[in-house]
Amino acid sequence: MLVISGHWEGPEFAVMSAAHPPMVYDYYGFPPETYQIVYPAPGAPEAAARTAELIRAAGLPTRLDDKRGFDHGAFVPLFVMYPKAETPVFQLSLQSGYDPVKHFALGRALAPLRGEGVLIIGSGLSYHNLSLFGPNAREPSEAFDKWLAATMSRTPDRRTSGVLAWEKAPCARVCHPREDHLAPLFVALGAAESEKAICTYHDQGLFGGVTASSYRFG
């Protein structure tokens, strides 16, 4: 499994290449037991090398990183989805600046991996404003989620153009002051651009008032 997490970014698209990735507890103020969590899935060095090769061939900057571990954008959903931690997992960073065009290009470069047995997961959140949760988030998150649902239902070419222009969506910058948690969607969609989008998760009361959704392609 290849996870693109909203919690790792850098000047290039770094690819986790450790055979036994460590843990990255990239949060603070949580109970002590949350810093003892271990997701013991093996890494995927060969798949990482293949991924870097595809990214480089697309003319995008990349590097292998054999020190990076699993951040909570990876190990939290994977614990729920695959608690046995038997499948090899590696991560891929975002590029600072979150340029939608470059991240779509990244996804397109990764598309061959889907036919090589790699599940690509974009891990973020369709609403991510840490200063606006609870009831006050209801109106902007509902507006953005309605736009997202309509955009996901378009034909592939119109869907891509719509997502690339995401800043024009209702309440876009209220919902995403920084688009670090939205950018994984650009990559996932780029990797499966012609595939139908299916809403697999929809919540209207997250964090006391947030509307959020997740999608699967193919």
N, C-alpha and C. Protein backbone atom coordinates (compact mmCIF):
# COMPACT_ATOMS: atom_id res chain seq x y z
N MET A 1 0.84 -1.19 0.00
CA MET A 1 0.00 0.00 0.00
C MET A 1 0.88 1.24 0.00
N LEU A 2 0.51 2.20 -0.81
CA LEU A 2 1.20 3.48 -0.87
C LEU A 2 0.27 4.54 -0.29
N VAL A 3 0.72 5.23 0.75
CA VAL A 3 -0.09 6.23 1.42
C VAL A 3 0.50 7.61 1.16
N ILE A 4 -0.33 8.51 0.63
CA ILE A 4 0.05 9.91 0.50
C ILE A 4 -0.66 10.64 1.63
N SER A 5 0.10 11.06 2.63
CA SER A 5 -0.46 11.64 3.85
C SER A 5 -0.32 13.15 3.85
N GLY A 6 -1.34 13.81 4.40
CA GLY A 6 -1.27 15.26 4.56
C GLY A 6 -0.29 15.71 5.63
N HIS A 7 0.42 14.76 6.22
CA HIS A 7 1.34 15.08 7.33
C HIS A 7 2.81 14.95 6.96
N TRP A 8 3.08 14.89 5.68
CA TRP A 8 4.49 14.83 5.25
C TRP A 8 4.63 15.64 3.96
N GLU A 9 5.52 16.61 4.00
CA GLU A 9 5.76 17.42 2.81
C GLU A 9 7.22 17.87 2.79
N GLY A 10 7.68 18.28 1.63
CA GLY A 10 9.05 18.74 1.49
C GLY A 10 9.27 19.37 0.13
N PRO A 11 10.49 19.74 -0.19
CA PRO A 11 10.77 20.41 -1.47
C PRO A 11 10.63 19.49 -2.67
N GLU A 12 10.67 18.17 -2.45
CA GLU A 12 10.46 17.23 -3.54
C GLU A 12 9.52 16.13 -3.05
N PHE A 13 9.15 15.23 -3.95
CA PHE A 13 8.29 14.12 -3.59
C PHE A 13 9.15 12.99 -3.03
N ALA A 14 9.28 12.96 -1.72
CA ALA A 14 10.13 11.96 -1.08
C ALA A 14 9.36 10.64 -0.93
N VAL A 15 10.07 9.54 -1.12
CA VAL A 15 9.47 8.21 -1.07
C VAL A 15 10.10 7.42 0.08
N MET A 16 9.28 6.97 1.01
CA MET A 16 9.75 6.16 2.12
C MET A 16 10.32 4.84 1.61
N SER A 17 11.55 4.52 1.96
CA SER A 17 12.17 3.31 1.43
C SER A 17 12.69 2.36 2.51
N ALA A 18 12.37 2.64 3.77
CA ALA A 18 12.84 1.78 4.86
C ALA A 18 12.19 0.40 4.80
N ALA A 19 12.96 -0.62 5.09
CA ALA A 19 12.41 -1.98 5.13
C ALA A 19 11.53 -2.19 6.36
N HIS A 20 11.86 -1.46 7.44
CA HIS A 20 11.09 -1.55 8.69
C HIS A 20 10.87 -0.13 9.20
N PRO A 21 9.88 0.57 8.67
CA PRO A 21 9.69 1.98 9.02
C PRO A 21 9.40 2.18 10.51
N PRO A 22 10.00 3.19 11.12
CA PRO A 22 9.70 3.52 12.51
C PRO A 22 8.36 4.26 12.60
N MET A 23 8.05 4.78 13.77
CA MET A 23 6.81 5.53 13.98
C MET A 23 7.13 7.02 14.11
N VAL A 24 6.22 7.85 13.63
CA VAL A 24 6.32 9.31 13.77
C VAL A 24 5.07 9.78 14.51
N TYR A 25 5.24 10.22 15.76
CA TYR A 25 4.10 10.69 16.55
C TYR A 25 3.99 12.21 16.36
N ASP A 26 3.38 12.58 15.25
CA ASP A 26 3.34 13.98 14.84
C ASP A 26 2.10 14.69 15.37
N TYR A 27 1.93 14.64 16.70
CA TYR A 27 0.82 15.32 17.36
C TYR A 27 1.25 15.61 18.79
N TYR A 28 0.46 16.40 19.49
CA TYR A 28 0.84 16.75 20.86
C TYR A 28 -0.41 16.91 21.71
N GLY A 29 -0.26 16.74 23.02
CA GLY A 29 -1.35 16.93 23.95
C GLY A 29 -2.32 15.77 24.06
N PHE A 30 -1.94 14.60 23.55
CA PHE A 30 -2.82 13.44 23.60
C PHE A 30 -2.43 12.54 24.78
N PRO A 31 -3.29 11.57 25.16
CA PRO A 31 -2.96 10.66 26.27
C PRO A 31 -1.68 9.89 26.01
N PRO A 32 -0.97 9.51 27.07
CA PRO A 32 0.33 8.83 26.91
C PRO A 32 0.28 7.59 26.04
N GLU A 33 -0.82 6.85 26.10
CA GLU A 33 -0.88 5.61 25.33
C GLU A 33 -0.84 5.84 23.83
N THR A 34 -1.22 7.06 23.38
CA THR A 34 -1.19 7.32 21.94
C THR A 34 0.22 7.47 21.41
N TYR A 35 1.19 7.58 22.32
CA TYR A 35 2.60 7.66 21.92
C TYR A 35 3.30 6.30 22.06
N GLN A 36 2.51 5.29 22.37
CA GLN A 36 3.04 3.93 22.46
C GLN A 36 2.55 3.06 21.30
N ILE A 37 1.72 3.64 20.44
CA ILE A 37 1.16 2.87 19.32
C ILE A 37 2.27 2.47 18.36
N VAL A 38 2.21 1.24 17.92
CA VAL A 38 3.15 0.75 16.91
C VAL A 38 2.34 0.05 15.82
N TYR A 39 2.53 0.47 14.59
CA TYR A 39 1.94 -0.23 13.46
C TYR A 39 3.08 -0.99 12.78
N PRO A 40 3.17 -2.30 13.00
CA PRO A 40 4.38 -3.04 12.63
C PRO A 40 4.41 -3.55 11.19
N ALA A 41 3.72 -2.90 10.28
CA ALA A 41 3.76 -3.36 8.89
C ALA A 41 5.17 -3.23 8.32
N PRO A 42 5.57 -4.17 7.47
CA PRO A 42 6.87 -4.02 6.82
C PRO A 42 6.84 -2.90 5.79
N GLY A 43 8.01 -2.37 5.47
CA GLY A 43 8.11 -1.39 4.40
C GLY A 43 8.11 -2.09 3.05
N ALA A 44 8.39 -1.31 2.02
CA ALA A 44 8.37 -1.85 0.65
C ALA A 44 9.48 -1.20 -0.18
N PRO A 45 10.75 -1.52 0.13
CA PRO A 45 11.86 -0.85 -0.54
C PRO A 45 11.85 -0.99 -2.07
N GLU A 46 11.48 -2.17 -2.57
CA GLU A 46 11.48 -2.35 -4.02
C GLU A 46 10.37 -1.52 -4.67
N ALA A 47 9.20 -1.51 -4.06
CA ALA A 47 8.11 -0.69 -4.59
C ALA A 47 8.46 0.80 -4.49
N ALA A 48 9.18 1.18 -3.43
CA ALA A 48 9.61 2.57 -3.28
C ALA A 48 10.55 2.97 -4.41
N ALA A 49 11.50 2.10 -4.74
CA ALA A 49 12.43 2.39 -5.83
C ALA A 49 11.69 2.50 -7.16
N ARG A 50 10.72 1.62 -7.38
CA ARG A 50 9.91 1.68 -8.59
C ARG A 50 9.12 2.99 -8.65
N THR A 51 8.58 3.41 -7.51
CA THR A 51 7.81 4.65 -7.43
C THR A 51 8.67 5.86 -7.76
N ALA A 52 9.86 5.91 -7.18
CA ALA A 52 10.77 7.02 -7.47
C ALA A 52 11.15 7.05 -8.94
N GLU A 53 11.30 5.87 -9.52
CA GLU A 53 11.63 5.77 -10.95
C GLU A 53 10.52 6.37 -11.80
N LEU A 54 9.26 6.07 -11.46
CA LEU A 54 8.12 6.60 -12.20
C LEU A 54 8.01 8.12 -12.05
N ILE A 55 8.26 8.59 -10.85
CA ILE A 55 8.18 10.03 -10.59
C ILE A 55 9.27 10.77 -11.36
N ARG A 56 10.46 10.21 -11.33
CA ARG A 56 11.59 10.82 -12.04
C ARG A 56 11.34 10.84 -13.54
N ALA A 57 10.75 9.77 -14.07
CA ALA A 57 10.47 9.69 -15.50
C ALA A 57 9.44 10.72 -15.93
N ALA A 58 8.61 11.16 -14.98
CA ALA A 58 7.61 12.19 -15.28
C ALA A 58 8.17 13.60 -15.18
N GLY A 59 9.46 13.70 -14.86
CA GLY A 59 10.10 15.00 -14.77
C GLY A 59 9.84 15.73 -13.47
N LEU A 60 9.46 14.99 -12.45
CA LEU A 60 9.18 15.59 -11.14
C LEU A 60 10.31 15.29 -10.18
N PRO A 61 10.59 16.20 -9.24
CA PRO A 61 11.71 15.98 -8.31
C PRO A 61 11.36 14.94 -7.25
N THR A 62 12.28 14.03 -6.98
CA THR A 62 12.01 12.99 -6.00
C THR A 62 13.30 12.52 -5.35
N ARG A 63 13.17 11.81 -4.24
CA ARG A 63 14.31 11.19 -3.57
C ARG A 63 13.77 10.06 -2.72
N LEU A 64 14.63 9.11 -2.41
CA LEU A 64 14.30 8.04 -1.48
C LEU A 64 14.68 8.46 -0.07
N ASP A 65 13.86 8.09 0.90
CA ASP A 65 14.11 8.44 2.30
C ASP A 65 14.01 7.16 3.13
N ASP A 66 15.15 6.67 3.60
CA ASP A 66 15.17 5.42 4.36
C ASP A 66 15.07 5.63 5.87
N LYS A 67 14.79 6.87 6.29
CA LYS A 67 14.67 7.18 7.71
C LYS A 67 13.23 7.48 8.12
N ARG A 68 12.43 7.92 7.21
CA ARG A 68 11.07 8.33 7.52
C ARG A 68 10.22 7.17 8.01
N GLY A 69 9.36 7.45 9.02
CA GLY A 69 8.46 6.45 9.55
C GLY A 69 7.01 6.76 9.26
N PHE A 70 6.12 5.91 9.76
CA PHE A 70 4.68 6.07 9.55
C PHE A 70 4.16 7.22 10.42
N ASP A 71 3.55 8.23 9.81
CA ASP A 71 2.90 9.29 10.58
C ASP A 71 1.44 8.92 10.79
N HIS A 72 0.72 9.74 11.58
CA HIS A 72 -0.64 9.32 11.93
C HIS A 72 -1.62 9.43 10.76
N GLY A 73 -1.23 10.13 9.71
CA GLY A 73 -2.04 10.10 8.50
C GLY A 73 -2.03 8.75 7.83
N ALA A 74 -1.04 7.93 8.17
CA ALA A 74 -0.97 6.56 7.65
C ALA A 74 -1.42 5.54 8.69
N PHE A 75 -0.81 5.57 9.90
CA PHE A 75 -1.07 4.46 10.80
C PHE A 75 -2.46 4.48 11.43
N VAL A 76 -3.09 5.64 11.55
CA VAL A 76 -4.44 5.67 12.12
C VAL A 76 -5.46 4.99 11.19
N PRO A 77 -5.59 5.41 9.94
CA PRO A 77 -6.56 4.69 9.08
C PRO A 77 -6.16 3.24 8.82
N LEU A 78 -4.85 2.95 8.73
CA LEU A 78 -4.44 1.58 8.45
C LEU A 78 -4.74 0.65 9.63
N PHE A 79 -4.65 1.16 10.84
CA PHE A 79 -5.01 0.35 12.00
C PHE A 79 -6.46 -0.10 11.92
N VAL A 80 -7.32 0.79 11.43
CA VAL A 80 -8.74 0.47 11.31
C VAL A 80 -9.00 -0.47 10.14
N MET A 81 -8.34 -0.19 9.01
CA MET A 81 -8.59 -0.94 7.78
C MET A 81 -7.89 -2.30 7.76
N TYR A 82 -6.65 -2.32 8.22
CA TYR A 82 -5.83 -3.54 8.15
C TYR A 82 -5.09 -3.74 9.47
N PRO A 83 -5.83 -4.11 10.53
CA PRO A 83 -5.23 -4.19 11.87
C PRO A 83 -4.12 -5.23 12.01
N LYS A 84 -4.07 -6.23 11.14
CA LYS A 84 -3.03 -7.25 11.25
C LYS A 84 -1.67 -6.75 10.77
N ALA A 85 -1.65 -5.64 10.05
CA ALA A 85 -0.40 -5.01 9.61
C ALA A 85 0.50 -5.97 8.85
N GLU A 86 -0.07 -6.77 7.98
CA GLU A 86 0.70 -7.78 7.25
C GLU A 86 1.15 -7.29 5.87
N THR A 87 0.43 -6.33 5.32
CA THR A 87 0.73 -5.87 3.97
C THR A 87 1.84 -4.82 4.00
N PRO A 88 2.85 -4.91 3.14
CA PRO A 88 3.90 -3.88 3.09
C PRO A 88 3.31 -2.49 2.79
N VAL A 89 3.82 -1.50 3.50
CA VAL A 89 3.32 -0.13 3.38
C VAL A 89 4.49 0.82 3.19
N PHE A 90 4.32 1.80 2.31
CA PHE A 90 5.28 2.89 2.23
C PHE A 90 4.53 4.18 1.97
N GLN A 91 5.17 5.29 2.26
CA GLN A 91 4.53 6.60 2.14
C GLN A 91 5.24 7.45 1.09
N LEU A 92 4.51 8.45 0.63
CA LEU A 92 5.02 9.41 -0.35
C LEU A 92 4.65 10.80 0.13
N SER A 93 5.60 11.70 0.13
CA SER A 93 5.33 13.04 0.64
C SER A 93 4.62 13.91 -0.40
N LEU A 94 3.97 14.94 0.10
CA LEU A 94 3.51 16.04 -0.74
C LEU A 94 4.69 16.95 -1.03
N GLN A 95 4.52 17.82 -2.02
CA GLN A 95 5.53 18.85 -2.28
C GLN A 95 5.03 20.16 -1.70
N SER A 96 5.89 20.85 -0.99
CA SER A 96 5.52 22.12 -0.38
C SER A 96 4.93 23.06 -1.43
N GLY A 97 3.88 23.77 -1.03
CA GLY A 97 3.18 24.66 -1.95
C GLY A 97 1.89 24.06 -2.47
N TYR A 98 1.82 22.72 -2.49
CA TYR A 98 0.59 21.98 -2.83
C TYR A 98 0.04 22.29 -4.22
N ASP A 99 0.89 22.61 -5.15
CA ASP A 99 0.44 22.94 -6.51
C ASP A 99 -0.45 21.82 -7.04
N PRO A 100 -1.74 22.09 -7.31
CA PRO A 100 -2.63 21.01 -7.77
C PRO A 100 -2.15 20.36 -9.06
N VAL A 101 -1.64 21.15 -10.00
CA VAL A 101 -1.20 20.59 -11.28
C VAL A 101 -0.06 19.60 -11.08
N LYS A 102 0.91 19.96 -10.24
CA LYS A 102 2.03 19.07 -9.99
C LYS A 102 1.61 17.80 -9.26
N HIS A 103 0.64 17.93 -8.35
CA HIS A 103 0.20 16.75 -7.61
C HIS A 103 -0.68 15.85 -8.47
N PHE A 104 -1.43 16.43 -9.40
CA PHE A 104 -2.14 15.60 -10.38
C PHE A 104 -1.13 14.89 -11.27
N ALA A 105 -0.10 15.60 -11.69
CA ALA A 105 0.94 14.97 -12.52
C ALA A 105 1.61 13.84 -11.75
N LEU A 106 1.82 14.03 -10.45
CA LEU A 106 2.37 12.96 -9.62
C LEU A 106 1.46 11.74 -9.66
N GLY A 107 0.17 11.96 -9.47
CA GLY A 107 -0.77 10.85 -9.50
C GLY A 107 -0.77 10.12 -10.83
N ARG A 108 -0.72 10.87 -11.91
CA ARG A 108 -0.67 10.24 -13.24
C ARG A 108 0.59 9.39 -13.40
N ALA A 109 1.69 9.87 -12.84
CA ALA A 109 2.94 9.10 -12.90
C ALA A 109 2.83 7.80 -12.12
N LEU A 110 2.03 7.81 -11.07
CA LEU A 110 1.89 6.63 -10.22
C LEU A 110 0.90 5.62 -10.76
N ALA A 111 0.12 5.99 -11.75
CA ALA A 111 -0.96 5.13 -12.25
C ALA A 111 -0.52 3.69 -12.55
N PRO A 112 0.67 3.46 -13.14
CA PRO A 112 1.06 2.07 -13.42
C PRO A 112 1.13 1.18 -12.18
N LEU A 113 1.34 1.77 -11.01
CA LEU A 113 1.43 0.97 -9.78
C LEU A 113 0.13 0.24 -9.50
N ARG A 114 -0.99 0.81 -9.93
CA ARG A 114 -2.29 0.19 -9.66
C ARG A 114 -2.39 -1.18 -10.34
N GLY A 115 -1.74 -1.31 -11.48
CA GLY A 115 -1.74 -2.59 -12.18
C GLY A 115 -0.64 -3.53 -11.71
N GLU A 116 0.16 -3.06 -10.77
CA GLU A 116 1.26 -3.86 -10.24
C GLU A 116 1.01 -4.29 -8.79
N GLY A 117 -0.24 -4.21 -8.37
CA GLY A 117 -0.60 -4.70 -7.05
C GLY A 117 -0.45 -3.72 -5.91
N VAL A 118 -0.40 -2.42 -6.23
CA VAL A 118 -0.24 -1.40 -5.19
C VAL A 118 -1.56 -0.65 -5.00
N LEU A 119 -2.07 -0.62 -3.78
CA LEU A 119 -3.23 0.17 -3.43
C LEU A 119 -2.76 1.57 -3.06
N ILE A 120 -3.27 2.59 -3.75
CA ILE A 120 -2.87 3.97 -3.50
C ILE A 120 -3.94 4.64 -2.64
N ILE A 121 -3.50 5.18 -1.50
CA ILE A 121 -4.42 5.80 -0.54
C ILE A 121 -4.04 7.26 -0.34
N GLY A 122 -4.97 8.16 -0.62
CA GLY A 122 -4.79 9.57 -0.31
C GLY A 122 -5.40 9.84 1.06
N SER A 123 -4.59 10.12 2.06
CA SER A 123 -5.06 10.27 3.43
C SER A 123 -5.05 11.73 3.85
N GLY A 124 -6.24 12.29 4.01
CA GLY A 124 -6.36 13.68 4.46
C GLY A 124 -7.73 13.87 5.09
N LEU A 125 -8.36 15.00 4.79
CA LEU A 125 -9.70 15.27 5.29
C LEU A 125 -10.32 16.33 4.39
N SER A 126 -11.59 16.12 4.02
CA SER A 126 -12.21 17.06 3.08
C SER A 126 -12.56 18.39 3.73
N TYR A 127 -12.43 18.48 5.07
CA TYR A 127 -12.54 19.74 5.79
C TYR A 127 -11.41 19.76 6.81
N HIS A 128 -10.59 20.82 6.80
CA HIS A 128 -9.49 20.84 7.76
C HIS A 128 -9.14 22.28 8.13
N ASN A 129 -9.94 22.82 9.04
CA ASN A 129 -9.67 24.13 9.63
C ASN A 129 -9.63 23.93 11.13
N LEU A 130 -8.44 23.83 11.68
CA LEU A 130 -8.27 23.49 13.09
C LEU A 130 -8.83 24.55 14.03
N SER A 131 -9.04 25.76 13.54
CA SER A 131 -9.58 26.83 14.39
C SER A 131 -11.09 26.96 14.25
N LEU A 132 -11.71 26.12 13.44
CA LEU A 132 -13.15 26.23 13.22
C LEU A 132 -13.78 24.83 13.18
N PHE A 133 -14.00 24.27 14.37
CA PHE A 133 -14.74 23.02 14.50
C PHE A 133 -16.03 23.31 15.26
N GLY A 134 -16.86 22.30 15.42
CA GLY A 134 -18.11 22.48 16.13
C GLY A 134 -19.19 23.08 15.25
N PRO A 135 -20.26 23.62 15.86
CA PRO A 135 -21.41 24.12 15.10
C PRO A 135 -21.07 25.19 14.06
N ASN A 136 -20.06 26.00 14.34
CA ASN A 136 -19.71 27.07 13.39
C ASN A 136 -19.11 26.55 12.09
N ALA A 137 -18.70 25.28 12.11
CA ALA A 137 -18.15 24.68 10.89
C ALA A 137 -19.23 24.09 9.99
N ARG A 138 -20.44 24.02 10.49
CA ARG A 138 -21.50 23.31 9.76
C ARG A 138 -21.76 23.94 8.38
N GLU A 139 -21.99 25.24 8.35
CA GLU A 139 -22.36 25.89 7.09
C GLU A 139 -21.24 25.82 6.04
N PRO A 140 -19.99 26.23 6.37
CA PRO A 140 -18.95 26.16 5.34
C PRO A 140 -18.62 24.73 4.90
N SER A 141 -18.61 23.79 5.86
CA SER A 141 -18.27 22.42 5.47
C SER A 141 -19.37 21.79 4.62
N GLU A 142 -20.62 22.11 4.89
CA GLU A 142 -21.72 21.60 4.07
C GLU A 142 -21.62 22.15 2.65
N ALA A 143 -21.30 23.43 2.54
CA ALA A 143 -21.19 24.06 1.21
C ALA A 143 -20.05 23.44 0.41
N PHE A 144 -18.90 23.26 1.05
CA PHE A 144 -17.76 22.68 0.34
C PHE A 144 -18.03 21.22 -0.01
N ASP A 145 -18.64 20.49 0.90
CA ASP A 145 -18.92 19.08 0.65
C ASP A 145 -19.91 18.91 -0.49
N LYS A 146 -20.90 19.79 -0.57
CA LYS A 146 -21.86 19.74 -1.68
C LYS A 146 -21.15 19.96 -3.01
N TRP A 147 -20.22 20.93 -3.02
CA TRP A 147 -19.43 21.16 -4.24
C TRP A 147 -18.58 19.94 -4.58
N LEU A 148 -17.96 19.35 -3.57
CA LEU A 148 -17.10 18.20 -3.81
C LEU A 148 -17.90 17.03 -4.38
N ALA A 149 -19.07 16.77 -3.82
CA ALA A 149 -19.91 15.68 -4.32
C ALA A 149 -20.31 15.91 -5.77
N ALA A 150 -20.69 17.14 -6.09
CA ALA A 150 -21.08 17.45 -7.47
C ALA A 150 -19.90 17.31 -8.42
N THR A 151 -18.73 17.72 -7.98
CA THR A 151 -17.53 17.65 -8.82
C THR A 151 -17.11 16.20 -9.03
N MET A 152 -17.18 15.39 -7.99
CA MET A 152 -16.80 13.99 -8.10
C MET A 152 -17.71 13.21 -9.06
N SER A 153 -18.95 13.71 -9.27
CA SER A 153 -19.90 13.00 -10.12
C SER A 153 -19.76 13.38 -11.60
N ARG A 154 -18.90 14.31 -11.92
CA ARG A 154 -18.74 14.75 -13.31
C ARG A 154 -18.00 13.71 -14.15
N THR A 155 -18.00 13.93 -15.45
CA THR A 155 -17.18 13.11 -16.34
C THR A 155 -15.71 13.36 -15.99
N PRO A 156 -14.83 12.40 -16.29
CA PRO A 156 -13.44 12.52 -15.85
C PRO A 156 -12.76 13.83 -16.21
N ASP A 157 -12.94 14.33 -17.45
CA ASP A 157 -12.25 15.56 -17.81
C ASP A 157 -12.79 16.76 -17.04
N ARG A 158 -14.10 16.84 -16.87
CA ARG A 158 -14.69 17.95 -16.12
C ARG A 158 -14.41 17.82 -14.63
N ARG A 159 -14.31 16.61 -14.14
CA ARG A 159 -13.96 16.40 -12.73
C ARG A 159 -12.55 16.89 -12.46
N THR A 160 -11.61 16.55 -13.32
CA THR A 160 -10.23 16.98 -13.13
C THR A 160 -10.14 18.51 -13.15
N SER A 161 -10.75 19.13 -14.14
CA SER A 161 -10.68 20.59 -14.23
C SER A 161 -11.34 21.25 -13.03
N GLY A 162 -12.42 20.63 -12.53
CA GLY A 162 -13.09 21.19 -11.35
C GLY A 162 -12.24 21.10 -10.10
N VAL A 163 -11.61 19.96 -9.89
CA VAL A 163 -10.77 19.79 -8.70
C VAL A 163 -9.53 20.68 -8.78
N LEU A 164 -8.96 20.82 -9.98
CA LEU A 164 -7.81 21.71 -10.14
C LEU A 164 -8.16 23.15 -9.77
N ALA A 165 -9.42 23.51 -9.96
CA ALA A 165 -9.87 24.87 -9.63
C ALA A 165 -10.58 24.90 -8.27
N TRP A 166 -10.16 24.07 -7.35
CA TRP A 166 -10.85 23.90 -6.08
C TRP A 166 -10.99 25.19 -5.29
N GLU A 167 -10.07 26.13 -5.45
CA GLU A 167 -10.15 27.38 -4.69
C GLU A 167 -11.37 28.21 -5.04
N LYS A 168 -12.02 27.90 -6.16
CA LYS A 168 -13.25 28.59 -6.54
C LYS A 168 -14.48 27.98 -5.89
N ALA A 169 -14.32 26.89 -5.20
CA ALA A 169 -15.44 26.22 -4.54
C ALA A 169 -15.98 27.08 -3.40
N PRO A 170 -17.25 26.92 -3.05
CA PRO A 170 -17.80 27.67 -1.92
C PRO A 170 -17.02 27.41 -0.63
N CYS A 171 -16.65 28.48 0.05
CA CYS A 171 -15.97 28.40 1.35
C CYS A 171 -14.65 27.62 1.29
N ALA A 172 -14.02 27.61 0.12
CA ALA A 172 -12.81 26.80 -0.06
C ALA A 172 -11.73 27.13 0.97
N ARG A 173 -11.42 28.40 1.10
CA ARG A 173 -10.33 28.77 2.01
C ARG A 173 -10.75 28.83 3.46
N VAL A 174 -12.05 28.80 3.73
CA VAL A 174 -12.51 28.62 5.10
C VAL A 174 -12.29 27.17 5.52
N CYS A 175 -12.62 26.27 4.62
CA CYS A 175 -12.49 24.83 4.90
C CYS A 175 -11.05 24.36 4.86
N HIS A 176 -10.24 25.01 4.03
CA HIS A 176 -8.83 24.61 3.87
C HIS A 176 -7.93 25.85 3.85
N PRO A 177 -7.68 26.44 5.04
CA PRO A 177 -6.73 27.56 5.08
C PRO A 177 -5.38 27.18 4.48
N ARG A 178 -4.95 25.95 4.73
CA ARG A 178 -3.83 25.30 4.04
C ARG A 178 -4.38 24.01 3.46
N GLU A 179 -4.04 23.73 2.22
CA GLU A 179 -4.65 22.57 1.56
C GLU A 179 -3.86 21.28 1.73
N ASP A 180 -3.08 21.19 2.81
CA ASP A 180 -2.30 19.98 3.03
C ASP A 180 -3.17 18.72 3.14
N HIS A 181 -4.39 18.87 3.69
CA HIS A 181 -5.26 17.71 3.85
C HIS A 181 -6.15 17.48 2.63
N LEU A 182 -6.13 18.38 1.68
CA LEU A 182 -6.87 18.19 0.43
C LEU A 182 -5.97 17.68 -0.68
N ALA A 183 -4.69 18.03 -0.64
CA ALA A 183 -3.75 17.66 -1.71
C ALA A 183 -3.64 16.16 -1.95
N PRO A 184 -3.77 15.28 -0.93
CA PRO A 184 -3.74 13.85 -1.24
C PRO A 184 -4.81 13.43 -2.23
N LEU A 185 -5.94 14.15 -2.25
CA LEU A 185 -6.99 13.87 -3.23
C LEU A 185 -6.49 14.11 -4.65
N PHE A 186 -5.70 15.17 -4.84
CA PHE A 186 -5.17 15.45 -6.18
C PHE A 186 -4.37 14.25 -6.70
N VAL A 187 -3.56 13.68 -5.82
CA VAL A 187 -2.69 12.57 -6.22
C VAL A 187 -3.53 11.32 -6.52
N ALA A 188 -4.44 11.00 -5.61
CA ALA A 188 -5.27 9.80 -5.80
C ALA A 188 -6.10 9.90 -7.06
N LEU A 189 -6.66 11.06 -7.31
CA LEU A 189 -7.47 11.24 -8.52
C LEU A 189 -6.61 11.19 -9.77
N GLY A 190 -5.42 11.76 -9.71
CA GLY A 190 -4.52 11.69 -10.86
C GLY A 190 -4.15 10.27 -11.21
N ALA A 191 -4.06 9.40 -10.21
CA ALA A 191 -3.68 8.00 -10.43
C ALA A 191 -4.82 7.17 -11.00
N ALA A 192 -6.05 7.65 -10.86
CA ALA A 192 -7.22 6.90 -11.32
C ALA A 192 -8.19 7.85 -12.03
N GLU A 193 -7.63 8.65 -12.93
CA GLU A 193 -8.37 9.79 -13.48
C GLU A 193 -9.61 9.40 -14.27
N SER A 194 -9.60 8.25 -14.90
CA SER A 194 -10.74 7.84 -15.72
C SER A 194 -11.76 7.00 -14.96
N GLU A 195 -11.48 6.72 -13.69
CA GLU A 195 -12.33 5.83 -12.91
C GLU A 195 -13.51 6.57 -12.28
N LYS A 196 -14.59 5.86 -12.07
CA LYS A 196 -15.75 6.41 -11.39
C LYS A 196 -15.43 6.66 -9.92
N ALA A 197 -15.97 7.75 -9.38
CA ALA A 197 -15.80 8.05 -7.96
C ALA A 197 -17.00 7.54 -7.18
N ILE A 198 -16.74 6.84 -6.10
CA ILE A 198 -17.79 6.31 -5.23
C ILE A 198 -17.58 6.87 -3.83
N CYS A 199 -18.61 7.50 -3.27
CA CYS A 199 -18.52 8.02 -1.91
C CYS A 199 -18.60 6.85 -0.94
N THR A 200 -17.55 6.65 -0.17
CA THR A 200 -17.49 5.52 0.77
C THR A 200 -17.69 5.94 2.22
N TYR A 201 -17.71 7.25 2.47
CA TYR A 201 -17.87 7.76 3.83
C TYR A 201 -18.49 9.14 3.74
N HIS A 202 -19.50 9.40 4.58
CA HIS A 202 -20.12 10.73 4.63
C HIS A 202 -20.63 10.94 6.04
N ASP A 203 -20.22 12.06 6.64
CA ASP A 203 -20.59 12.36 8.02
C ASP A 203 -21.02 13.83 8.10
N GLN A 204 -22.12 14.09 8.77
CA GLN A 204 -22.60 15.47 8.92
C GLN A 204 -22.45 15.98 10.34
N GLY A 205 -21.80 15.20 11.20
CA GLY A 205 -21.64 15.65 12.58
C GLY A 205 -20.25 15.43 13.13
N LEU A 206 -19.26 15.37 12.24
CA LEU A 206 -17.89 15.13 12.68
C LEU A 206 -17.39 16.32 13.51
N PHE A 207 -16.72 16.04 14.60
CA PHE A 207 -16.19 17.09 15.48
C PHE A 207 -17.26 18.10 15.89
N GLY A 208 -18.50 17.63 16.04
CA GLY A 208 -19.56 18.49 16.53
C GLY A 208 -20.26 19.33 15.48
N GLY A 209 -19.97 19.13 14.21
CA GLY A 209 -20.69 19.92 13.21
C GLY A 209 -20.12 19.89 11.82
N VAL A 210 -19.01 19.20 11.62
CA VAL A 210 -18.34 19.19 10.31
C VAL A 210 -18.98 18.15 9.38
N THR A 211 -19.22 18.53 8.14
CA THR A 211 -19.60 17.60 7.10
C THR A 211 -18.35 17.21 6.33
N ALA A 212 -18.12 15.91 6.19
CA ALA A 212 -16.91 15.43 5.51
C ALA A 212 -17.24 14.16 4.74
N SER A 213 -16.49 13.92 3.67
CA SER A 213 -16.71 12.75 2.82
C SER A 213 -15.39 12.18 2.33
N SER A 214 -15.43 10.90 1.98
CA SER A 214 -14.28 10.21 1.36
C SER A 214 -14.75 9.52 0.09
N TYR A 215 -13.82 9.35 -0.85
CA TYR A 215 -14.17 8.75 -2.13
C TYR A 215 -13.17 7.67 -2.52
N ARG A 216 -13.69 6.69 -3.23
CA ARG A 216 -12.86 5.63 -3.81
C ARG A 216 -12.97 5.72 -5.32
N PHE A 217 -11.85 5.55 -6.00
CA PHE A 217 -11.83 5.55 -7.46
C PHE A 217 -11.56 4.15 -7.96
N GLY A 218 -12.45 3.64 -8.79
CA GLY A 218 -12.28 2.30 -9.33
C GLY A 218 -12.73 1.24 -8.35
